[in-house]
Amino acid sequence: MAPSVTSDQLPVAQTPNAPQTQVGLNGKVIAITGANRGIGLGIAECCLSNGAAKVYSIDIGETGDDFAALLKRYPGQLFAVTANVTEESTITAAIDKIIEEAGALHGMVVNAGRTHHKAALDFTKEEIESLFNVNLFGAFYSARAAARAFIKLGIKGSIVFTASMASYRPNKRVPSTPYGASKAGVRNMTHTLAMEWAQYGIRVNSVSPGLVKTAMTYWVPQQPDWEQQLKYYGGFPRLAEVQELGGAYVYLLSEAASYTTSIDIPVNGVIGIC
């Protein structure tokens, strides 16, 4: 009969790929769509402050003063590449350029999006298609282009979508059926792609921001009954700063999340309000 062995006597397995216990992006190359400003630029800042070697913004627009200010803080580490997320070939070309310059790609934040708030009966065909083309189709094209690059490079990369609390429930004050539906599609896509691409070691997750202080939400605290809304719904009595979202993205992009896939992290300090 074999002698009994207690758990504290068992040898600790030593492997060359031991799980990481610290959250960080040391040495990683990260691409973020729509990062010339707003939430995307806030994510870029958090990636850089947590050790990312290089961060690339893939955006159709021009960079501005906020981008220039962050570039001044991280010279030689922040870059902008032009692409249109609704055209998959331009995303692929942008990723190829990043890999050619940086030598690798480890993480992709699929963040580019737009919003439009109005009654469902008033939306035009063009407005609906515009939202879905960027928020849903563009997100799919961006993720697929990144996945193809990861597979080609043999890198177990991480893809993080920006979804929205509007994918869980409607914005009671300013509903937008096409926007919420497009972001709900992003969350479903997160789960399905995570299942499909696990065989390649690619992790796919999402983050659902609530109300964040950006150019798209300037009107929120200007509502005459905003203070009353906060008392009614509860939660933190303010909008989030873009940098406050960064922790969720950094974790999901990091090796500390090596066994985390197919999840959504809500970042919604104003409880009950999308």
Protein backbone atom coordinates (compact mmCIF):
# COMPACT_ATOMS: atom_id res chain seq x y z
CA MET A 1 0.00 0.00 0.00
CA ALA A 2 1.41 3.38 -1.05
CA PRO A 3 2.18 5.82 1.76
CA SER A 4 -0.20 8.75 2.10
CA VAL A 5 1.02 12.13 0.89
CA THR A 6 -0.36 15.43 2.06
CA SER A 7 -0.94 18.33 -0.32
CA ASP A 8 1.90 20.37 1.16
CA GLN A 9 4.30 17.52 0.30
CA LEU A 10 3.42 17.44 -3.38
CA PRO A 11 6.08 18.85 -5.69
CA VAL A 12 5.27 22.13 -7.39
CA ALA A 13 5.11 21.71 -11.16
CA GLN A 14 7.72 23.79 -12.91
CA THR A 15 6.91 24.64 -16.52
CA PRO A 16 8.54 27.05 -18.95
CA ASN A 17 5.19 28.75 -19.45
CA ALA A 18 4.13 29.23 -15.86
CA PRO A 19 1.03 31.41 -15.37
CA GLN A 20 1.69 35.10 -14.87
CA THR A 21 0.69 36.54 -11.52
CA GLN A 22 1.17 40.22 -12.32
CA VAL A 23 -1.06 42.33 -14.53
CA GLY A 24 1.03 44.21 -17.06
CA LEU A 25 1.75 44.60 -20.75
CA ASN A 26 5.52 44.57 -20.65
CA GLY A 27 6.93 44.45 -24.15
CA LYS A 28 3.58 43.99 -25.89
CA VAL A 29 2.51 45.68 -29.12
CA ILE A 30 -1.14 46.74 -28.95
CA ALA A 31 -3.39 48.06 -31.72
CA ILE A 32 -6.57 50.00 -30.91
CA THR A 33 -9.15 51.02 -33.48
CA GLY A 34 -10.58 54.50 -33.01
CA ALA A 35 -7.85 55.61 -30.61
CA ASN A 36 -7.08 59.06 -31.97
CA ARG A 37 -9.37 60.47 -29.28
CA GLY A 38 -11.98 59.57 -26.65
CA ILE A 39 -12.22 56.14 -25.06
CA GLY A 40 -9.68 54.64 -27.46
CA LEU A 41 -7.03 57.21 -26.54
CA GLY A 42 -7.74 56.62 -22.85
CA ILE A 43 -7.17 52.89 -23.39
CA ALA A 44 -3.93 53.69 -25.20
CA GLU A 45 -2.75 55.77 -22.24
CA CYS A 46 -3.49 52.94 -19.82
CA CYS A 47 -1.68 50.42 -22.01
CA LEU A 48 1.41 52.61 -22.19
CA SER A 49 1.39 53.35 -18.47
CA ASN A 50 1.23 49.60 -17.84
CA GLY A 51 4.31 48.75 -19.84
CA ALA A 52 3.19 48.29 -23.44
CA ALA A 53 6.18 48.68 -25.77
CA LYS A 54 4.17 50.28 -28.57
CA VAL A 55 0.55 51.27 -29.09
CA TYR A 56 -0.93 51.93 -32.50
CA SER A 57 -4.15 53.81 -33.12
CA ILE A 58 -5.99 52.60 -36.22
CA ASP A 59 -8.37 55.41 -37.10
CA ILE A 60 -9.95 57.11 -40.10
CA GLY A 61 -9.73 60.62 -38.64
CA GLU A 62 -6.90 62.97 -37.83
CA THR A 63 -5.11 63.04 -34.51
CA GLY A 64 -5.65 66.07 -32.25
CA ASP A 65 -4.17 67.90 -29.30
CA ASP A 66 -4.92 65.13 -26.80
CA PHE A 67 -3.10 62.59 -28.97
CA ALA A 68 -0.14 64.94 -29.34
CA ALA A 69 0.01 65.43 -25.57
CA LEU A 70 0.10 61.67 -24.96
CA LEU A 71 2.72 61.23 -27.68
CA LYS A 72 4.89 63.81 -25.91
CA ARG A 73 4.71 61.70 -22.73
CA TYR A 74 5.54 58.48 -24.61
CA PRO A 75 7.81 59.44 -27.53
CA GLY A 76 8.53 56.60 -29.89
CA GLN A 77 5.80 54.44 -28.37
CA LEU A 78 2.52 55.88 -29.71
CA PHE A 79 1.66 55.80 -33.40
CA ALA A 80 -1.30 56.45 -35.71
CA VAL A 81 -2.19 54.40 -38.78
CA THR A 82 -5.02 55.35 -41.12
CA ALA A 83 -7.71 52.81 -41.98
CA ASN A 84 -11.47 52.53 -42.42
CA VAL A 85 -12.91 49.76 -40.26
CA THR A 86 -15.80 49.28 -42.68
CA GLU A 87 -13.25 48.22 -45.33
CA GLU A 88 -11.53 45.02 -44.18
CA SER A 89 -8.69 45.39 -46.70
CA THR A 90 -7.61 48.68 -45.07
CA ILE A 91 -7.59 47.09 -41.61
CA THR A 92 -5.48 44.22 -42.91
CA ALA A 93 -3.08 46.70 -44.52
CA ALA A 94 -2.83 48.67 -41.26
CA ILE A 95 -2.04 45.53 -39.27
CA ASP A 96 0.56 44.46 -41.84
CA LYS A 97 2.21 47.88 -41.48
CA ILE A 98 2.22 47.58 -37.68
CA ILE A 99 3.85 44.16 -37.82
CA GLU A 100 6.41 45.36 -40.35
CA GLU A 101 7.36 48.28 -38.08
CA ALA A 102 7.05 46.69 -34.65
CA GLY A 103 7.85 43.07 -35.50
CA ALA A 104 4.77 41.65 -33.80
CA LEU A 105 1.21 42.20 -32.65
CA HIS A 106 0.06 40.87 -29.29
CA GLY A 107 -3.28 42.55 -28.64
CA MET A 108 -6.11 44.17 -30.57
CA VAL A 109 -8.71 46.45 -28.99
CA VAL A 110 -11.71 46.68 -31.30
CA ASN A 111 -13.00 50.03 -30.13
CA ALA A 112 -14.05 52.17 -33.11
CA GLY A 113 -17.73 53.04 -32.93
CA ARG A 114 -20.34 55.72 -33.29
CA THR A 115 -23.68 56.54 -31.72
CA HIS A 116 -26.88 58.24 -32.75
CA HIS A 117 -29.82 58.79 -30.40
CA LYS A 118 -33.34 59.26 -31.66
CA ALA A 119 -36.70 57.50 -31.65
CA ALA A 120 -36.78 54.21 -33.55
CA LEU A 121 -39.57 55.46 -35.82
CA ASP A 122 -37.42 58.41 -36.91
CA PHE A 123 -34.25 56.57 -37.97
CA THR A 124 -33.46 56.68 -41.66
CA LYS A 125 -32.11 53.69 -43.55
CA GLU A 126 -28.79 55.47 -44.00
CA GLU A 127 -28.46 56.21 -40.27
CA ILE A 128 -29.16 52.60 -39.33
CA GLU A 129 -26.69 51.25 -41.86
CA SER A 130 -24.05 53.74 -40.75
CA LEU A 131 -24.26 52.52 -37.14
CA PHE A 132 -24.15 48.84 -38.06
CA ASN A 133 -21.36 49.30 -40.61
CA VAL A 134 -19.00 50.74 -38.00
CA ASN A 135 -20.17 49.19 -34.72
CA LEU A 136 -20.85 45.64 -35.87
CA PHE A 137 -19.44 44.93 -39.32
CA GLY A 138 -16.34 47.04 -38.69
CA ALA A 139 -15.81 45.27 -35.37
CA PHE A 140 -16.00 41.88 -37.07
CA TYR A 141 -13.57 42.89 -39.82
CA SER A 142 -11.10 44.30 -37.29
CA ALA A 143 -11.19 41.20 -35.11
CA ARG A 144 -10.83 38.85 -38.05
CA ALA A 145 -7.89 40.76 -39.47
CA ALA A 146 -6.16 40.61 -36.08
CA ALA A 147 -6.91 36.90 -35.67
CA ARG A 148 -5.43 36.11 -39.07
CA ALA A 149 -2.28 38.00 -38.09
CA PHE A 150 -2.02 36.16 -34.75
CA ILE A 151 -2.38 32.80 -36.47
CA LYS A 152 0.21 33.67 -39.12
CA LEU A 153 2.68 34.87 -36.48
CA GLY A 154 2.00 31.98 -34.12
CA ILE A 155 1.08 34.42 -31.36
CA LYS A 156 -1.59 33.64 -28.77
CA GLY A 157 -3.07 37.09 -28.98
CA SER A 158 -5.87 38.85 -27.16
CA ILE A 159 -8.82 40.62 -28.76
CA VAL A 160 -10.92 42.98 -26.65
CA PHE A 161 -14.10 44.53 -28.01
CA THR A 162 -15.66 47.72 -26.72
CA ALA A 163 -19.32 46.82 -26.23
CA SER A 164 -21.67 48.99 -24.13
CA MET A 165 -24.05 48.90 -21.20
CA ALA A 166 -26.66 49.69 -23.86
CA SER A 167 -26.20 46.09 -24.99
CA TYR A 168 -27.74 44.98 -21.69
CA ARG A 169 -30.62 47.43 -21.38
CA PRO A 170 -31.93 50.56 -23.11
CA ASN A 171 -30.81 54.05 -22.28
CA LYS A 172 -33.97 55.30 -20.65
CA ARG A 173 -33.34 58.97 -21.39
CA VAL A 174 -32.16 58.80 -24.98
CA PRO A 175 -32.91 55.43 -26.55
CA SER A 176 -31.14 54.25 -29.67
CA THR A 177 -32.39 50.89 -30.88
CA PRO A 178 -29.80 50.46 -33.68
CA TYR A 179 -26.91 51.41 -31.38
CA GLY A 180 -27.96 49.04 -28.60
CA ALA A 181 -28.61 46.25 -31.09
CA SER A 182 -25.22 46.71 -32.72
CA LYS A 183 -23.47 46.54 -29.35
CA ALA A 184 -25.49 43.50 -28.32
CA GLY A 185 -24.22 41.92 -31.52
CA VAL A 186 -20.68 42.74 -30.44
CA ARG A 187 -21.17 40.91 -27.14
CA ASN A 188 -22.59 37.86 -28.90
CA MET A 189 -19.70 37.98 -31.37
CA THR A 190 -17.29 38.02 -28.43
CA HIS A 191 -18.62 34.70 -27.14
CA THR A 192 -18.79 33.03 -30.54
CA LEU A 193 -15.34 34.10 -31.71
CA ALA A 194 -13.86 33.06 -28.35
CA MET A 195 -15.25 29.57 -28.98
CA GLU A 196 -14.01 29.43 -32.58
CA TRP A 197 -10.52 30.81 -32.00
CA ALA A 198 -9.64 29.06 -28.75
CA GLN A 199 -7.97 26.35 -30.85
CA TYR A 200 -5.36 28.95 -31.85
CA GLY A 201 -4.84 30.18 -28.30
CA ILE A 202 -6.56 33.47 -29.13
CA ARG A 203 -8.62 34.97 -26.31
CA VAL A 204 -11.67 37.12 -27.13
CA ASN A 205 -13.39 39.29 -24.51
CA SER A 206 -15.25 42.60 -24.26
CA VAL A 207 -15.71 45.59 -21.99
CA SER A 208 -19.07 47.37 -21.61
CA PRO A 209 -18.62 51.01 -20.56
CA GLY A 210 -21.44 52.96 -19.01
CA LEU A 211 -21.52 56.74 -19.21
CA VAL A 212 -18.05 58.05 -20.03
CA LYS A 213 -16.95 61.66 -20.39
CA THR A 214 -16.24 62.06 -24.10
CA ALA A 215 -17.26 64.34 -26.95
CA MET A 216 -20.22 62.02 -27.58
CA THR A 217 -21.63 62.44 -24.06
CA TYR A 218 -21.06 66.15 -23.41
CA TRP A 219 -24.82 66.67 -23.21
CA VAL A 220 -25.44 64.19 -20.38
CA PRO A 221 -24.52 66.34 -17.33
CA GLN A 222 -26.07 69.38 -19.01
CA GLN A 223 -29.57 67.98 -18.67
CA PRO A 224 -31.59 70.19 -16.28
CA ASP A 225 -32.63 67.18 -14.16
CA TRP A 226 -29.26 65.40 -14.17
CA GLU A 227 -28.80 65.70 -10.42
CA GLN A 228 -32.27 64.25 -9.88
CA GLN A 229 -31.46 61.36 -12.22
CA LEU A 230 -28.37 60.52 -10.20
CA LYS A 231 -30.37 60.46 -6.97
CA TYR A 232 -32.98 58.22 -8.54
CA TYR A 233 -30.64 55.69 -10.16
CA GLY A 234 -27.89 55.70 -7.56
CA GLY A 235 -24.23 54.86 -8.13
CA PHE A 236 -21.32 57.24 -8.50
CA PRO A 237 -22.62 60.79 -9.06
CA ARG A 238 -20.52 61.50 -12.16
CA LEU A 239 -19.46 60.24 -15.56
CA ALA A 240 -16.35 58.10 -15.87
CA GLU A 241 -13.05 59.49 -17.04
CA VAL A 242 -11.81 57.59 -20.07
CA GLN A 243 -8.76 56.35 -18.15
CA GLU A 244 -11.02 54.64 -15.60
CA LEU A 245 -11.94 52.04 -18.20
CA GLY A 246 -8.35 51.10 -18.79
CA GLY A 247 -7.91 48.58 -16.01
CA ALA A 248 -10.42 46.19 -17.57
CA TYR A 249 -8.72 46.38 -20.96
CA VAL A 250 -5.21 46.04 -19.54
CA TYR A 251 -6.21 42.94 -17.58
CA LEU A 252 -7.83 41.28 -20.59
CA LEU A 253 -4.82 42.09 -22.80
CA SER A 254 -2.32 40.84 -20.22
CA GLU A 255 -0.89 37.38 -19.64
CA ALA A 256 -2.52 37.43 -16.21
CA ALA A 257 -5.76 36.76 -18.12
CA SER A 258 -4.32 33.76 -19.97
CA TYR A 259 -7.33 31.60 -19.00
CA THR A 260 -9.93 34.35 -19.39
CA THR A 261 -11.96 34.29 -22.58
CA SER A 262 -15.58 34.82 -23.70
CA ILE A 263 -16.46 37.28 -20.92
CA ASP A 264 -17.74 40.85 -20.79
CA ILE A 265 -16.66 43.25 -18.06
CA PRO A 266 -19.23 45.99 -17.34
CA VAL A 267 -17.67 49.27 -16.15
CA ASN A 268 -20.75 51.15 -15.06
CA GLY A 269 -20.41 53.33 -11.98
CA VAL A 270 -23.77 55.00 -12.54
CA ILE A 271 -26.00 52.10 -11.62
CA GLY A 272 -29.21 51.86 -13.59
CA ILE A 273 -28.19 54.26 -16.34
CA CYS A 274 -26.58 53.08 -19.57
